[in-house]
């Protein structure tokens, strides 16, 4: 592994290392870690689906591409998505992906029992779910009887990398999900990554694909394009936030001036003096 390792949560790198034919070992291990499948419930194999394009009507009128899409032996569909910045739509976006996978599972005239269960796993590099846990999962339960689940057809998981980084202890020896998230975290020390790689053959398999990307000039250039696009998006979002804060401050100062001018007007101060003291125009003062 190179000292300067690639970011495994780069969209291009993740899809290449987890979502192509031949990546079944690492994908199966990751899903078992997320879904807590052990013993007889353990996922033994997955079918990776490489047709991950979404039609233009899927996401707000724009074409899209899923990160990783797979089918389990019981026909359950699994969609894994990486989101590195907050667009404030993640729960609805995940439901949109779930719904489209769900309805695609049946043809006209077929029995509804043939509709597949769909699991969506969302890896987020920002705080989103306002709960303490870094791993949250959602199903459909009856409002007054939380123990009763209506159906297992819907299952949404959110993995919060920000909260995971703040975990005082990373239980890499006993918890495979901790190992995976340590590996995914671009801020993890190289020494910790090397320890995880020694423990987990499936993570080793993913690292081999990452090394392959880093050693292939064409793939590495594609990786860098995705990194630049992610940085540009973060810059855009931060710039919009700064502009919003600046506009808010300016609006606040204007309201303060108007309130002062209103009070001075009540006291009988002339419009000319109010204008000199507040910087407001004669027209603005006349409207008060």
Foldseek 3Di string as FASTA:
>chain_A
DDQQFAQCLLLLLVLQLQADPVLFLLVQLLVCLQVVQDDPRRQDTKAWDPPFWDDLVQPPSHIDGFRTWIAGPVREIEGEHEEEDDPPCVVVSQVSVLVVQQVVQDDPPDDSVSGHAYEYEYEYADDDPPDLDQKDKDAAADPVCRVHGPDNSYMYIYGYLVSLVVPPDQPLPPRVNSLVSLCNDSPRRPVSVVVSVVVDVSVVSSVVSSVVLVPDVVSVVVSVVSVVVVVVVVVVVVVVVVVVVVVVVVVVLVVVLLVVLVVVVVVVDDLVVSCVVRVDDSVSSVVD
